[in-house]
Amino acid sequence: MLKKIFLIILSFLIPFILYGESKDTKTKKAEQQVLLNLKKEYAKLKQMENRLNDREKRLKELELRIITEQQEIIKIQKRISSILEEIKKIREENVSQLAIVYSKMKPENAAEVINNMPTSLAVKIFLKMQPNKIAKILNYADQEKAIKITEKLALYGININLKGR
């Protein structure tokens, strides 16, 4: 595009330069100066065009690199999701195993352990147990802890009848 502009301008000036012999020296010098200035401008424009082309090339390379890295990130996210699912399954199995263990323990011994564990874990374990087993254990548990656990279990639709509380 720059070449076209330069050629158009040059095509207007060439006849004056070629056939301007009858012109005086001042006019010739002025025309030569204009031509020199045009050549300098053209060189600047060409240099700018080259820089823009280089930048465009770098941008395309960066874009390709970003796309490649995005694809790699998606693969990593899928692997992480898969690992998290596996961890979730293992934790769920562990909670199920703990529920079996606490169901088989004497209620007073199970209550002692429950008193010292986070309420959220106790709720997860109790969700895997029969309500009558939960009630027996909670009857021996710390009163505040038993109330918190019972409230959370109620959110899951499990009602526990605590004797004497």
N, C-alpha and C. Protein backbone atom coordinates (compact mmCIF):
# COMPACT_ATOMS: atom_id res chain seq x y z
N MET A 1 0.82 -1.18 0.00
CA MET A 1 0.00 0.00 0.00
C MET A 1 0.87 1.25 0.00
N LEU A 2 1.94 1.23 0.76
CA LEU A 2 2.84 2.37 0.80
C LEU A 2 3.48 2.61 -0.57
N LYS A 3 3.80 1.49 -1.23
CA LYS A 3 4.40 1.62 -2.56
C LYS A 3 3.44 2.31 -3.51
N LYS A 4 2.17 1.93 -3.44
CA LYS A 4 1.17 2.53 -4.33
C LYS A 4 1.08 4.04 -4.12
N ILE A 5 1.03 4.42 -2.85
CA ILE A 5 0.95 5.86 -2.52
C ILE A 5 2.18 6.58 -3.05
N PHE A 6 3.32 5.98 -2.81
CA PHE A 6 4.56 6.60 -3.26
C PHE A 6 4.59 6.71 -4.79
N LEU A 7 4.18 5.65 -5.45
CA LEU A 7 4.19 5.66 -6.92
C LEU A 7 3.21 6.68 -7.48
N ILE A 8 2.07 6.83 -6.87
CA ILE A 8 1.09 7.82 -7.32
C ILE A 8 1.68 9.22 -7.20
N ILE A 9 2.25 9.50 -6.04
CA ILE A 9 2.85 10.82 -5.83
C ILE A 9 4.01 11.03 -6.80
N LEU A 10 4.81 10.01 -6.97
CA LEU A 10 5.95 10.09 -7.86
C LEU A 10 5.52 10.30 -9.31
N SER A 11 4.43 9.63 -9.69
CA SER A 11 3.95 9.77 -11.08
C SER A 11 3.52 11.21 -11.39
N PHE A 12 3.05 11.91 -10.38
CA PHE A 12 2.70 13.32 -10.59
C PHE A 12 3.94 14.20 -10.68
N LEU A 13 4.97 13.81 -9.98
CA LEU A 13 6.15 14.65 -9.92
C LEU A 13 7.15 14.39 -11.05
N ILE A 14 7.18 13.17 -11.59
CA ILE A 14 8.16 12.83 -12.62
C ILE A 14 8.10 13.76 -13.83
N PRO A 15 6.90 14.05 -14.35
CA PRO A 15 6.90 14.95 -15.51
C PRO A 15 7.54 16.30 -15.20
N PHE A 16 7.33 16.80 -14.02
CA PHE A 16 7.91 18.09 -13.66
C PHE A 16 9.43 17.98 -13.57
N ILE A 17 9.87 16.84 -13.04
CA ILE A 17 11.30 16.66 -12.88
C ILE A 17 11.98 16.44 -14.23
N LEU A 18 11.38 15.59 -15.07
CA LEU A 18 11.97 15.26 -16.36
C LEU A 18 11.91 16.42 -17.36
N TYR A 19 10.79 17.09 -17.38
CA TYR A 19 10.59 18.13 -18.39
C TYR A 19 10.74 19.53 -17.83
N GLY A 20 11.30 19.64 -16.70
CA GLY A 20 11.42 20.94 -16.05
C GLY A 20 12.69 21.67 -16.37
N GLU A 21 13.33 21.35 -17.47
CA GLU A 21 14.59 21.99 -17.81
C GLU A 21 14.44 23.48 -18.06
N SER A 22 13.27 23.86 -18.47
CA SER A 22 13.08 25.27 -18.74
C SER A 22 12.80 26.05 -17.46
N LYS A 23 12.61 25.33 -16.40
CA LYS A 23 12.34 26.00 -15.13
C LYS A 23 13.63 26.58 -14.58
N ASP A 24 13.45 27.51 -13.74
CA ASP A 24 14.64 28.12 -13.15
C ASP A 24 15.26 27.22 -12.09
N THR A 25 16.43 27.55 -11.65
CA THR A 25 17.19 26.74 -10.71
C THR A 25 16.48 26.61 -9.37
N LYS A 26 15.83 27.66 -8.93
CA LYS A 26 15.12 27.61 -7.65
C LYS A 26 14.01 26.56 -7.70
N THR A 27 13.28 26.52 -8.78
CA THR A 27 12.17 25.57 -8.92
C THR A 27 12.71 24.15 -8.95
N LYS A 28 13.81 23.96 -9.70
CA LYS A 28 14.40 22.62 -9.78
C LYS A 28 14.87 22.16 -8.40
N LYS A 29 15.52 23.04 -7.69
CA LYS A 29 16.00 22.70 -6.35
C LYS A 29 14.83 22.37 -5.42
N ALA A 30 13.75 23.13 -5.54
CA ALA A 30 12.57 22.90 -4.71
C ALA A 30 11.97 21.54 -5.04
N GLU A 31 11.92 21.22 -6.33
CA GLU A 31 11.37 19.92 -6.74
C GLU A 31 12.27 18.78 -6.26
N GLN A 32 13.57 18.98 -6.35
CA GLN A 32 14.50 17.96 -5.88
C GLN A 32 14.37 17.77 -4.37
N GLN A 33 14.17 18.88 -3.68
CA GLN A 33 13.99 18.81 -2.23
C GLN A 33 12.70 18.05 -1.89
N VAL A 34 11.64 18.33 -2.66
CA VAL A 34 10.37 17.61 -2.45
C VAL A 34 10.58 16.13 -2.71
N LEU A 35 11.28 15.81 -3.78
CA LEU A 35 11.55 14.41 -4.11
C LEU A 35 12.39 13.75 -3.01
N LEU A 36 13.39 14.43 -2.54
CA LEU A 36 14.22 13.91 -1.45
C LEU A 36 13.39 13.68 -0.19
N ASN A 37 12.53 14.65 0.12
CA ASN A 37 11.65 14.50 1.29
C ASN A 37 10.70 13.32 1.12
N LEU A 38 10.19 13.14 -0.10
CA LEU A 38 9.31 12.00 -0.37
C LEU A 38 10.05 10.68 -0.19
N LYS A 39 11.29 10.63 -0.65
CA LYS A 39 12.08 9.42 -0.49
C LYS A 39 12.32 9.12 0.99
N LYS A 40 12.61 10.16 1.76
CA LYS A 40 12.82 9.98 3.19
C LYS A 40 11.53 9.49 3.87
N GLU A 41 10.41 10.11 3.49
CA GLU A 41 9.10 9.70 4.05
C GLU A 41 8.79 8.26 3.69
N TYR A 42 9.09 7.93 2.44
CA TYR A 42 8.84 6.56 1.99
C TYR A 42 9.69 5.58 2.80
N ALA A 43 10.94 5.92 3.04
CA ALA A 43 11.82 5.06 3.83
C ALA A 43 11.28 4.90 5.26
N LYS A 44 10.80 5.99 5.82
CA LYS A 44 10.22 5.92 7.17
C LYS A 44 8.98 5.03 7.18
N LEU A 45 8.12 5.25 6.17
CA LEU A 45 6.90 4.44 6.08
C LEU A 45 7.23 2.97 5.89
N LYS A 46 8.22 2.70 5.07
CA LYS A 46 8.63 1.31 4.83
C LYS A 46 9.16 0.69 6.12
N GLN A 47 9.94 1.46 6.86
CA GLN A 47 10.48 0.99 8.13
C GLN A 47 9.33 0.70 9.12
N MET A 48 8.36 1.60 9.17
CA MET A 48 7.20 1.39 10.05
C MET A 48 6.42 0.15 9.62
N GLU A 49 6.27 -0.02 8.32
CA GLU A 49 5.56 -1.19 7.81
C GLU A 49 6.29 -2.47 8.21
N ASN A 50 7.61 -2.47 8.12
CA ASN A 50 8.40 -3.64 8.52
C ASN A 50 8.25 -3.93 10.01
N ARG A 51 8.27 -2.87 10.82
CA ARG A 51 8.08 -3.06 12.27
C ARG A 51 6.70 -3.63 12.56
N LEU A 52 5.69 -3.10 11.86
CA LEU A 52 4.33 -3.61 12.07
C LEU A 52 4.22 -5.08 11.65
N ASN A 53 4.86 -5.42 10.55
CA ASN A 53 4.85 -6.82 10.11
C ASN A 53 5.54 -7.71 11.13
N ASP A 54 6.66 -7.23 11.68
CA ASP A 54 7.35 -8.00 12.72
C ASP A 54 6.47 -8.18 13.95
N ARG A 55 5.82 -7.11 14.35
CA ARG A 55 4.93 -7.19 15.52
C ARG A 55 3.77 -8.14 15.26
N GLU A 56 3.22 -8.07 14.07
CA GLU A 56 2.11 -8.96 13.72
C GLU A 56 2.57 -10.42 13.78
N LYS A 57 3.77 -10.68 13.28
CA LYS A 57 4.32 -12.03 13.33
C LYS A 57 4.49 -12.50 14.77
N ARG A 58 5.05 -11.62 15.63
CA ARG A 58 5.22 -11.96 17.05
C ARG A 58 3.88 -12.20 17.73
N LEU A 59 2.89 -11.36 17.39
CA LEU A 59 1.56 -11.54 17.99
C LEU A 59 0.95 -12.88 17.60
N LYS A 60 1.14 -13.27 16.34
CA LYS A 60 0.62 -14.57 15.90
C LYS A 60 1.32 -15.70 16.63
N GLU A 61 2.63 -15.57 16.82
CA GLU A 61 3.38 -16.58 17.57
C GLU A 61 2.89 -16.66 19.01
N LEU A 62 2.68 -15.50 19.62
CA LEU A 62 2.18 -15.47 21.00
C LEU A 62 0.77 -16.06 21.09
N GLU A 63 -0.05 -15.74 20.11
CA GLU A 63 -1.41 -16.27 20.09
C GLU A 63 -1.38 -17.80 20.02
N LEU A 64 -0.53 -18.33 19.16
CA LEU A 64 -0.39 -19.78 19.04
C LEU A 64 0.11 -20.38 20.36
N ARG A 65 1.06 -19.71 20.98
CA ARG A 65 1.59 -20.19 22.26
C ARG A 65 0.51 -20.18 23.34
N ILE A 66 -0.29 -19.13 23.36
CA ILE A 66 -1.38 -19.03 24.34
C ILE A 66 -2.39 -20.14 24.12
N ILE A 67 -2.74 -20.39 22.87
CA ILE A 67 -3.70 -21.46 22.57
C ILE A 67 -3.15 -22.80 23.03
N THR A 68 -1.88 -23.04 22.76
CA THR A 68 -1.25 -24.29 23.19
C THR A 68 -1.27 -24.42 24.71
N GLU A 69 -0.93 -23.32 25.39
CA GLU A 69 -0.92 -23.35 26.86
C GLU A 69 -2.33 -23.52 27.41
N GLN A 70 -3.33 -22.92 26.76
CA GLN A 70 -4.71 -23.10 27.20
C GLN A 70 -5.12 -24.56 27.09
N GLN A 71 -4.73 -25.19 26.01
CA GLN A 71 -5.05 -26.61 25.84
C GLN A 71 -4.37 -27.45 26.91
N GLU A 72 -3.15 -27.09 27.24
CA GLU A 72 -2.42 -27.81 28.30
C GLU A 72 -3.10 -27.60 29.65
N ILE A 73 -3.54 -26.38 29.90
CA ILE A 73 -4.25 -26.07 31.16
C ILE A 73 -5.54 -26.88 31.25
N ILE A 74 -6.25 -27.00 30.14
CA ILE A 74 -7.50 -27.78 30.14
C ILE A 74 -7.20 -29.24 30.47
N LYS A 75 -6.12 -29.77 29.90
CA LYS A 75 -5.74 -31.16 30.21
C LYS A 75 -5.43 -31.31 31.70
N ILE A 76 -4.69 -30.35 32.23
CA ILE A 76 -4.32 -30.39 33.65
C ILE A 76 -5.57 -30.29 34.53
N GLN A 77 -6.50 -29.40 34.14
CA GLN A 77 -7.74 -29.26 34.91
C GLN A 77 -8.52 -30.57 34.91
N LYS A 78 -8.55 -31.25 33.77
CA LYS A 78 -9.25 -32.54 33.70
C LYS A 78 -8.59 -33.58 34.61
N ARG A 79 -7.26 -33.58 34.60
CA ARG A 79 -6.54 -34.51 35.48
C ARG A 79 -6.81 -34.20 36.95
N ILE A 80 -6.80 -32.92 37.29
CA ILE A 80 -7.07 -32.51 38.67
C ILE A 80 -8.48 -32.91 39.07
N SER A 81 -9.44 -32.68 38.18
CA SER A 81 -10.83 -33.06 38.48
C SER A 81 -10.93 -34.56 38.71
N SER A 82 -10.24 -35.31 37.89
CA SER A 82 -10.25 -36.77 38.04
C SER A 82 -9.65 -37.18 39.39
N ILE A 83 -8.54 -36.57 39.74
CA ILE A 83 -7.89 -36.87 41.02
C ILE A 83 -8.79 -36.47 42.19
N LEU A 84 -9.43 -35.30 42.08
CA LEU A 84 -10.34 -34.85 43.15
C LEU A 84 -11.52 -35.81 43.30
N GLU A 85 -12.03 -36.31 42.18
CA GLU A 85 -13.13 -37.28 42.24
C GLU A 85 -12.67 -38.56 42.94
N GLU A 86 -11.46 -38.96 42.63
CA GLU A 86 -10.92 -40.16 43.26
C GLU A 86 -10.75 -39.95 44.77
N ILE A 87 -10.24 -38.78 45.13
CA ILE A 87 -10.09 -38.44 46.55
C ILE A 87 -11.45 -38.43 47.24
N LYS A 88 -12.43 -37.86 46.56
CA LYS A 88 -13.78 -37.80 47.13
C LYS A 88 -14.32 -39.21 47.37
N LYS A 89 -14.10 -40.10 46.41
CA LYS A 89 -14.57 -41.49 46.57
C LYS A 89 -13.87 -42.16 47.74
N ILE A 90 -12.57 -41.93 47.84
CA ILE A 90 -11.80 -42.54 48.94
C ILE A 90 -12.28 -42.02 50.29
N ARG A 91 -12.50 -40.70 50.37
CA ARG A 91 -13.01 -40.12 51.62
C ARG A 91 -14.38 -40.69 51.96
N GLU A 92 -15.21 -40.82 50.93
CA GLU A 92 -16.56 -41.36 51.15
C GLU A 92 -16.47 -42.79 51.67
N GLU A 93 -15.55 -43.57 51.10
CA GLU A 93 -15.35 -44.94 51.57
C GLU A 93 -14.83 -44.95 53.01
N ASN A 94 -13.91 -44.02 53.31
CA ASN A 94 -13.38 -43.94 54.67
C ASN A 94 -14.48 -43.58 55.67
N VAL A 95 -15.33 -42.65 55.30
CA VAL A 95 -16.45 -42.26 56.18
C VAL A 95 -17.38 -43.45 56.38
N SER A 96 -17.63 -44.19 55.30
CA SER A 96 -18.50 -45.38 55.42
C SER A 96 -17.88 -46.40 56.36
N GLN A 97 -16.56 -46.59 56.25
CA GLN A 97 -15.87 -47.52 57.14
C GLN A 97 -15.93 -47.05 58.60
N LEU A 98 -15.75 -45.73 58.79
CA LEU A 98 -15.85 -45.19 60.15
C LEU A 98 -17.26 -45.39 60.71
N ALA A 99 -18.26 -45.23 59.88
CA ALA A 99 -19.65 -45.44 60.33
C ALA A 99 -19.85 -46.88 60.80
N ILE A 100 -19.28 -47.80 60.08
CA ILE A 100 -19.39 -49.22 60.47
C ILE A 100 -18.68 -49.44 61.82
N VAL A 101 -17.49 -48.85 61.95
CA VAL A 101 -16.73 -49.01 63.19
C VAL A 101 -17.50 -48.43 64.37
N TYR A 102 -18.01 -47.19 64.23
CA TYR A 102 -18.72 -46.55 65.34
C TYR A 102 -20.04 -47.25 65.65
N SER A 103 -20.64 -47.86 64.64
CA SER A 103 -21.88 -48.61 64.89
C SER A 103 -21.62 -49.83 65.75
N LYS A 104 -20.43 -50.39 65.61
CA LYS A 104 -20.10 -51.61 66.35
C LYS A 104 -19.53 -51.32 67.74
N MET A 105 -19.11 -50.07 67.97
CA MET A 105 -18.54 -49.70 69.27
C MET A 105 -19.64 -49.56 70.31
N LYS A 106 -19.23 -49.61 71.56
CA LYS A 106 -20.17 -49.30 72.64
C LYS A 106 -20.51 -47.82 72.51
N PRO A 107 -21.76 -47.44 72.70
CA PRO A 107 -22.18 -46.05 72.50
C PRO A 107 -21.36 -45.05 73.33
N GLU A 108 -21.02 -45.40 74.57
CA GLU A 108 -20.27 -44.46 75.40
C GLU A 108 -18.84 -44.25 74.86
N ASN A 109 -18.23 -45.30 74.31
CA ASN A 109 -16.89 -45.17 73.72
C ASN A 109 -16.94 -44.36 72.42
N ALA A 110 -17.94 -44.61 71.60
CA ALA A 110 -18.09 -43.88 70.35
C ALA A 110 -18.34 -42.40 70.64
N ALA A 111 -19.14 -42.11 71.68
CA ALA A 111 -19.45 -40.73 72.05
C ALA A 111 -18.19 -39.98 72.47
N GLU A 112 -17.29 -40.68 73.17
CA GLU A 112 -16.05 -40.05 73.58
C GLU A 112 -15.24 -39.58 72.37
N VAL A 113 -15.19 -40.40 71.35
CA VAL A 113 -14.45 -40.04 70.13
C VAL A 113 -15.17 -38.92 69.39
N ILE A 114 -16.48 -39.03 69.30
CA ILE A 114 -17.29 -38.04 68.59
C ILE A 114 -17.13 -36.66 69.22
N ASN A 115 -17.03 -36.62 70.54
CA ASN A 115 -16.87 -35.35 71.25
C ASN A 115 -15.60 -34.60 70.81
N ASN A 116 -14.60 -35.35 70.37
CA ASN A 116 -13.30 -34.75 70.04
C ASN A 116 -13.07 -34.56 68.53
N MET A 117 -14.07 -34.83 67.73
CA MET A 117 -13.88 -34.64 66.29
C MET A 117 -14.72 -33.46 65.79
N PRO A 118 -14.36 -32.92 64.64
CA PRO A 118 -15.15 -31.81 64.09
C PRO A 118 -16.60 -32.24 63.85
N THR A 119 -17.51 -31.33 64.12
CA THR A 119 -18.94 -31.62 63.97
C THR A 119 -19.26 -32.07 62.55
N SER A 120 -18.64 -31.44 61.56
CA SER A 120 -18.94 -31.78 60.17
C SER A 120 -18.58 -33.24 59.87
N LEU A 121 -17.47 -33.72 60.41
CA LEU A 121 -17.09 -35.12 60.20
C LEU A 121 -18.05 -36.05 60.93
N ALA A 122 -18.43 -35.68 62.14
CA ALA A 122 -19.39 -36.50 62.90
C ALA A 122 -20.70 -36.62 62.13
N VAL A 123 -21.15 -35.53 61.55
CA VAL A 123 -22.41 -35.54 60.78
C VAL A 123 -22.26 -36.48 59.59
N LYS A 124 -21.14 -36.39 58.87
CA LYS A 124 -20.92 -37.26 57.71
C LYS A 124 -20.96 -38.73 58.11
N ILE A 125 -20.34 -39.03 59.24
CA ILE A 125 -20.34 -40.41 59.73
C ILE A 125 -21.75 -40.84 60.11
N PHE A 126 -22.46 -39.98 60.83
CA PHE A 126 -23.81 -40.33 61.28
C PHE A 126 -24.80 -40.47 60.12
N LEU A 127 -24.54 -39.76 59.03
CA LEU A 127 -25.43 -39.89 57.86
C LEU A 127 -25.36 -41.29 57.27
N LYS A 128 -24.33 -42.03 57.60
CA LYS A 128 -24.16 -43.40 57.09
C LYS A 128 -24.66 -44.45 58.10
N MET A 129 -25.18 -43.98 59.24
CA MET A 129 -25.59 -44.90 60.30
C MET A 129 -27.11 -44.91 60.47
N GLN A 130 -27.59 -45.93 61.16
CA GLN A 130 -29.00 -46.04 61.48
C GLN A 130 -29.35 -45.04 62.59
N PRO A 131 -30.51 -44.39 62.51
CA PRO A 131 -30.90 -43.39 63.51
C PRO A 131 -30.86 -43.92 64.96
N ASN A 132 -31.25 -45.16 65.18
CA ASN A 132 -31.24 -45.67 66.55
C ASN A 132 -29.81 -45.78 67.10
N LYS A 133 -28.83 -46.12 66.25
CA LYS A 133 -27.42 -46.17 66.66
C LYS A 133 -26.91 -44.76 66.97
N ILE A 134 -27.31 -43.80 66.13
CA ILE A 134 -26.90 -42.40 66.34
C ILE A 134 -27.43 -41.92 67.69
N ALA A 135 -28.69 -42.20 67.95
CA ALA A 135 -29.32 -41.75 69.20
C ALA A 135 -28.59 -42.32 70.41
N LYS A 136 -28.22 -43.59 70.35
CA LYS A 136 -27.52 -44.21 71.48
C LYS A 136 -26.18 -43.51 71.73
N ILE A 137 -25.46 -43.23 70.65
CA ILE A 137 -24.15 -42.58 70.80
C ILE A 137 -24.32 -41.15 71.32
N LEU A 138 -25.28 -40.40 70.74
CA LEU A 138 -25.48 -39.00 71.13
C LEU A 138 -25.97 -38.87 72.57
N ASN A 139 -26.62 -39.90 73.09
CA ASN A 139 -27.05 -39.87 74.49
C ASN A 139 -25.85 -39.81 75.44
N TYR A 140 -24.71 -40.29 75.00
CA TYR A 140 -23.49 -40.25 75.81
C TYR A 140 -22.56 -39.08 75.44
N ALA A 141 -22.87 -38.42 74.35
CA ALA A 141 -22.01 -37.33 73.87
C ALA A 141 -22.22 -36.07 74.70
N ASP A 142 -21.26 -35.15 74.57
CA ASP A 142 -21.37 -33.84 75.19
C ASP A 142 -22.66 -33.19 74.70
N GLN A 143 -23.41 -32.56 75.64
CA GLN A 143 -24.73 -32.02 75.31
C GLN A 143 -24.68 -30.99 74.17
N GLU A 144 -23.75 -30.06 74.23
CA GLU A 144 -23.66 -29.04 73.17
C GLU A 144 -23.31 -29.67 71.83
N LYS A 145 -22.40 -30.60 71.85
CA LYS A 145 -21.99 -31.29 70.62
C LYS A 145 -23.16 -32.08 70.06
N ALA A 146 -23.90 -32.75 70.92
CA ALA A 146 -25.05 -33.54 70.49
C ALA A 146 -26.11 -32.65 69.85
N ILE A 147 -26.33 -31.46 70.44
CA ILE A 147 -27.31 -30.53 69.89
C ILE A 147 -26.88 -30.05 68.50
N LYS A 148 -25.61 -29.68 68.35
CA LYS A 148 -25.10 -29.21 67.05
C LYS A 148 -25.25 -30.30 65.99
N ILE A 149 -24.86 -31.51 66.35
CA ILE A 149 -24.94 -32.63 65.40
C ILE A 149 -26.40 -32.90 65.04
N THR A 150 -27.27 -32.89 66.03
CA THR A 150 -28.69 -33.15 65.78
C THR A 150 -29.29 -32.09 64.86
N GLU A 151 -28.93 -30.83 65.08
CA GLU A 151 -29.43 -29.75 64.21
C GLU A 151 -29.00 -29.96 62.77
N LYS A 152 -27.75 -30.34 62.59
CA LYS A 152 -27.25 -30.54 61.22
C LYS A 152 -27.88 -31.78 60.59
N LEU A 153 -28.07 -32.81 61.37
CA LEU A 153 -28.71 -34.02 60.84
C LEU A 153 -30.16 -33.73 60.44
N ALA A 154 -30.81 -32.85 61.19
CA ALA A 154 -32.20 -32.49 60.88
C ALA A 154 -32.28 -31.83 59.51
N LEU A 155 -31.24 -31.12 59.11
CA LEU A 155 -31.21 -30.50 57.78
C LEU A 155 -31.25 -31.55 56.67
N TYR A 156 -30.76 -32.75 56.99
CA TYR A 156 -30.78 -33.86 56.04
C TYR A 156 -32.03 -34.73 56.19
N GLY A 157 -32.92 -34.32 57.05
CA GLY A 157 -34.18 -35.05 57.24
C GLY A 157 -34.06 -36.21 58.21
N ILE A 158 -33.04 -36.22 59.02
CA ILE A 158 -32.86 -37.29 59.99
C ILE A 158 -33.21 -36.73 61.37
N ASN A 159 -34.23 -37.30 61.97
CA ASN A 159 -34.66 -36.87 63.30
C ASN A 159 -34.19 -37.87 64.32
N ILE A 160 -33.54 -37.36 65.33
CA ILE A 160 -32.99 -38.21 66.40
C ILE A 160 -33.75 -37.90 67.68
N ASN A 161 -34.19 -38.93 68.34
CA ASN A 161 -34.88 -38.79 69.61
C ASN A 161 -33.89 -39.09 70.72
N LEU A 162 -33.39 -38.03 71.33
CA LEU A 162 -32.41 -38.21 72.40
C LEU A 162 -33.17 -38.41 73.72
N LYS A 163 -32.86 -39.49 74.41
CA LYS A 163 -33.51 -39.79 75.68
C LYS A 163 -32.95 -38.89 76.76
N GLY A 164 -33.82 -38.31 77.52
CA GLY A 164 -33.42 -37.52 78.68
C GLY A 164 -32.77 -36.19 78.34
N ARG A 165 -32.89 -35.73 77.14
CA ARG A 165 -32.31 -34.43 76.79
C ARG A 165 -33.36 -33.51 76.26
